[in-house]
């Protein structure tokens, strides 16, 4: 009898525990821009589509008043530690200006909602 593996908050098994299938977890630092306000939110996740839905449903208390959001920028990382480090980097005062410059030249990112969460991530 096979042991059941724990599921993460996104519903996916942790890396290396998906039966015989091994997959690499990918983490992201992302920037959401409010459609109606001059407000940007920087965060990290391992599931961009799910996180975007949460923001637009108002499940994130800190930015609930600024919904709806568009995903305007993201970066991909191999570990959550790297993603968190980059997120903190963008949240420092001087780096906010760098982020504004990046965003002024970045098109709005569209995720392909027809694909499963792990495959709907556009390649850069």
C-alpha atoms as a PDB file:
ATOM      1  CA  UNK A   1       0.000   0.000   0.000  1.00  0.00           C
ATOM      2  CA  UNK A   2       1.345   3.434  -0.967  1.00  0.00           C
ATOM      3  CA  UNK A   3       1.563   6.117   1.677  1.00  0.00           C
ATOM      4  CA  UNK A   4      -0.464   9.221   1.030  1.00  0.00           C
ATOM      5  CA  UNK A   5       1.590  12.350   0.531  1.00  0.00           C
ATOM      6  CA  UNK A   6       0.754  15.672   2.115  1.00  0.00           C
ATOM      7  CA  UNK A   7      -0.707  18.377  -0.090  1.00  0.00           C
ATOM      8  CA  UNK A   8       0.399  21.971  -0.044  1.00  0.00           C
ATOM      9  CA  UNK A   9      -2.023  24.893   0.256  1.00  0.00           C
ATOM     10  CA  UNK A  10      -2.246  24.991  -3.555  1.00  0.00           C
ATOM     11  CA  UNK A  11      -3.431  21.374  -3.695  1.00  0.00           C
ATOM     12  CA  UNK A  12      -0.235  20.060  -5.285  1.00  0.00           C
ATOM     13  CA  UNK A  13       1.987  17.518  -3.557  1.00  0.00           C
ATOM     14  CA  UNK A  14       5.294  18.917  -2.269  1.00  0.00           C
ATOM     15  CA  UNK A  15       8.244  18.546  -4.636  1.00  0.00           C
ATOM     16  CA  UNK A  16       9.399  14.944  -4.943  1.00  0.00           C
ATOM     17  CA  UNK A  17       6.295  13.433  -3.318  1.00  0.00           C
ATOM     18  CA  UNK A  18       4.018  13.041  -6.340  1.00  0.00           C
ATOM     19  CA  UNK A  19       4.198   9.241  -6.564  1.00  0.00           C
ATOM     20  CA  UNK A  20       6.810   8.179  -9.110  1.00  0.00           C
ATOM     21  CA  UNK A  21       6.639  11.545 -10.850  1.00  0.00           C
ATOM     22  CA  UNK A  22       9.151  14.139  -9.746  1.00  0.00           C
ATOM     23  CA  UNK A  23       8.683  17.755 -10.616  1.00  0.00           C
ATOM     24  CA  UNK A  24      10.555  20.880  -9.728  1.00  0.00           C
ATOM     25  CA  UNK A  25       8.740  23.546  -7.770  1.00  0.00           C
ATOM     26  CA  UNK A  26       9.000  26.954  -9.342  1.00  0.00           C
ATOM     27  CA  UNK A  27       8.535  30.121  -7.324  1.00  0.00           C
ATOM     28  CA  UNK A  28       7.698  33.589  -8.533  1.00  0.00           C
ATOM     29  CA  UNK A  29       7.964  37.166  -7.410  1.00  0.00           C
ATOM     30  CA  UNK A  30       5.089  39.024  -8.987  1.00  0.00           C
ATOM     31  CA  UNK A  31       3.731  42.533  -9.253  1.00  0.00           C
ATOM     32  CA  UNK A  32       0.007  43.205  -9.398  1.00  0.00           C
ATOM     33  CA  UNK A  33      -1.210  46.633 -10.482  1.00  0.00           C
ATOM     34  CA  UNK A  34      -4.639  47.882  -9.519  1.00  0.00           C
ATOM     35  CA  UNK A  35      -6.866  48.794 -12.463  1.00  0.00           C
ATOM     36  CA  UNK A  36      -8.655  51.604 -10.639  1.00  0.00           C
ATOM     37  CA  UNK A  37      -5.973  53.027  -8.340  1.00  0.00           C
ATOM     38  CA  UNK A  38      -2.316  54.010  -8.461  1.00  0.00           C
ATOM     39  CA  UNK A  39      -1.370  50.981  -6.358  1.00  0.00           C
ATOM     40  CA  UNK A  40       1.039  48.108  -6.925  1.00  0.00           C
ATOM     41  CA  UNK A  41       1.473  44.982  -4.842  1.00  0.00           C
ATOM     42  CA  UNK A  42       4.634  42.864  -4.727  1.00  0.00           C
ATOM     43  CA  UNK A  43       4.424  39.278  -3.507  1.00  0.00           C
ATOM     44  CA  UNK A  44       5.748  35.754  -4.001  1.00  0.00           C
ATOM     45  CA  UNK A  45       3.991  32.473  -4.787  1.00  0.00           C
ATOM     46  CA  UNK A  46       4.387  29.093  -6.442  1.00  0.00           C
ATOM     47  CA  UNK A  47       1.089  29.395  -8.369  1.00  0.00           C
ATOM     48  CA  UNK A  48       0.549  32.666 -10.253  1.00  0.00           C
ATOM     49  CA  UNK A  49      -2.948  31.929 -11.534  1.00  0.00           C
ATOM     50  CA  UNK A  50      -4.274  30.917  -8.117  1.00  0.00           C
ATOM     51  CA  UNK A  51      -2.685  33.922  -6.438  1.00  0.00           C
ATOM     52  CA  UNK A  52      -4.113  36.340  -9.020  1.00  0.00           C
ATOM     53  CA  UNK A  53      -7.599  34.902  -8.431  1.00  0.00           C
ATOM     54  CA  UNK A  54      -7.168  35.331  -4.665  1.00  0.00           C
ATOM     55  CA  UNK A  55      -6.211  38.980  -5.079  1.00  0.00           C
ATOM     56  CA  UNK A  56      -9.136  39.679  -7.403  1.00  0.00           C
ATOM     57  CA  UNK A  57     -11.602  37.959  -5.044  1.00  0.00           C
ATOM     58  CA  UNK A  58     -10.423  40.199  -2.203  1.00  0.00           C
ATOM     59  CA  UNK A  59      -8.870  37.406  -0.136  1.00  0.00           C
ATOM     60  CA  UNK A  60      -5.766  39.474   0.602  1.00  0.00           C
ATOM     61  CA  UNK A  61      -6.767  41.926   3.325  1.00  0.00           C
ATOM     62  CA  UNK A  62      -3.951  44.415   2.689  1.00  0.00           C
ATOM     63  CA  UNK A  63      -5.086  45.198  -0.859  1.00  0.00           C
ATOM     64  CA  UNK A  64      -8.756  44.189  -0.907  1.00  0.00           C
ATOM     65  CA  UNK A  65      -9.848  47.818  -1.405  1.00  0.00           C
ATOM     66  CA  UNK A  66      -7.731  48.173  -4.558  1.00  0.00           C
ATOM     67  CA  UNK A  67      -9.112  45.245  -6.612  1.00  0.00           C
ATOM     68  CA  UNK A  68      -9.291  44.285  -9.462  1.00  0.00           C
ATOM     69  CA  UNK A  69      -5.644  43.660 -10.330  1.00  0.00           C
ATOM     70  CA  UNK A  70      -3.628  42.851 -13.419  1.00  0.00           C
ATOM     71  CA  UNK A  71      -0.440  40.820 -13.228  1.00  0.00           C
ATOM     72  CA  UNK A  72       2.074  43.226 -14.723  1.00  0.00           C
ATOM     73  CA  UNK A  73       5.428  41.611 -13.994  1.00  0.00           C
ATOM     74  CA  UNK A  74       6.954  38.433 -12.586  1.00  0.00           C
ATOM     75  CA  UNK A  75      10.306  36.719 -12.177  1.00  0.00           C
ATOM     76  CA  UNK A  76      10.909  32.967 -11.833  1.00  0.00           C
ATOM     77  CA  UNK A  77      13.072  31.312  -9.126  1.00  0.00           C
ATOM     78  CA  UNK A  78      14.141  27.776  -8.202  1.00  0.00           C
ATOM     79  CA  UNK A  79      13.597  28.202  -4.457  1.00  0.00           C
ATOM     80  CA  UNK A  80      11.228  30.064  -2.193  1.00  0.00           C
ATOM     81  CA  UNK A  81      14.241  31.498  -0.360  1.00  0.00           C
ATOM     82  CA  UNK A  82      15.448  33.214  -3.556  1.00  0.00           C
ATOM     83  CA  UNK A  83      11.937  34.495  -4.328  1.00  0.00           C
ATOM     84  CA  UNK A  84      11.476  35.940  -0.839  1.00  0.00           C
ATOM     85  CA  UNK A  85      14.878  37.640  -1.034  1.00  0.00           C
ATOM     86  CA  UNK A  86      13.932  39.276  -4.355  1.00  0.00           C
ATOM     87  CA  UNK A  87      10.493  40.292  -3.018  1.00  0.00           C
ATOM     88  CA  UNK A  88      12.133  42.025  -0.050  1.00  0.00           C
ATOM     89  CA  UNK A  89      14.567  43.689  -2.447  1.00  0.00           C
ATOM     90  CA  UNK A  90      11.686  45.212  -4.420  1.00  0.00           C
ATOM     91  CA  UNK A  91       9.968  46.368  -1.238  1.00  0.00           C
ATOM     92  CA  UNK A  92      12.866  48.527  -0.073  1.00  0.00           C
ATOM     93  CA  UNK A  93      12.546  52.264  -0.691  1.00  0.00           C
ATOM     94  CA  UNK A  94      15.196  52.772  -3.356  1.00  0.00           C
ATOM     95  CA  UNK A  95      14.222  49.623  -5.231  1.00  0.00           C
ATOM     96  CA  UNK A  96      10.613  50.832  -5.554  1.00  0.00           C
ATOM     97  CA  UNK A  97      11.894  53.378  -8.072  1.00  0.00           C
ATOM     98  CA  UNK A  98      13.630  50.624 -10.048  1.00  0.00           C
ATOM     99  CA  UNK A  99      10.381  48.645 -10.013  1.00  0.00           C
ATOM    100  CA  UNK A 100       8.427  51.654 -11.306  1.00  0.00           C
ATOM    101  CA  UNK A 101      10.906  51.955 -14.173  1.00  0.00           C
ATOM    102  CA  UNK A 102      10.582  48.253 -15.012  1.00  0.00           C
ATOM    103  CA  UNK A 103       6.787  48.470 -14.916  1.00  0.00           C
ATOM    104  CA  UNK A 104       6.617  51.552 -17.116  1.00  0.00           C
ATOM    105  CA  UNK A 105       8.089  49.479 -19.959  1.00  0.00           C
ATOM    106  CA  UNK A 106       6.349  46.163 -19.216  1.00  0.00           C
ATOM    107  CA  UNK A 107       3.172  45.002 -20.983  1.00  0.00           C
ATOM    108  CA  UNK A 108       0.385  43.428 -18.927  1.00  0.00           C
ATOM    109  CA  UNK A 109       0.985  39.675 -18.585  1.00  0.00           C
ATOM    110  CA  UNK A 110      -1.845  37.402 -19.684  1.00  0.00           C
ATOM    111  CA  UNK A 111      -1.923  33.903 -18.238  1.00  0.00           C
ATOM    112  CA  UNK A 112      -3.461  31.221 -20.413  1.00  0.00           C
ATOM    113  CA  UNK A 113      -6.448  30.121 -18.304  1.00  0.00           C
ATOM    114  CA  UNK A 114      -7.206  27.134 -20.541  1.00  0.00           C
ATOM    115  CA  UNK A 115      -4.197  25.205 -19.241  1.00  0.00           C
ATOM    116  CA  UNK A 116      -3.684  23.584 -15.819  1.00  0.00           C
ATOM    117  CA  UNK A 117      -2.004  25.854 -13.272  1.00  0.00           C
ATOM    118  CA  UNK A 118       1.534  24.493 -13.732  1.00  0.00           C
ATOM    119  CA  UNK A 119       1.367  24.757 -17.535  1.00  0.00           C
ATOM    120  CA  UNK A 120      -0.402  28.116 -17.803  1.00  0.00           C
ATOM    121  CA  UNK A 121       2.732  30.038 -16.931  1.00  0.00           C
ATOM    122  CA  UNK A 122       4.077  31.953 -19.903  1.00  0.00           C
ATOM    123  CA  UNK A 123       7.724  31.492 -20.801  1.00  0.00           C
ATOM    124  CA  UNK A 124       9.920  34.548 -20.660  1.00  0.00           C
END
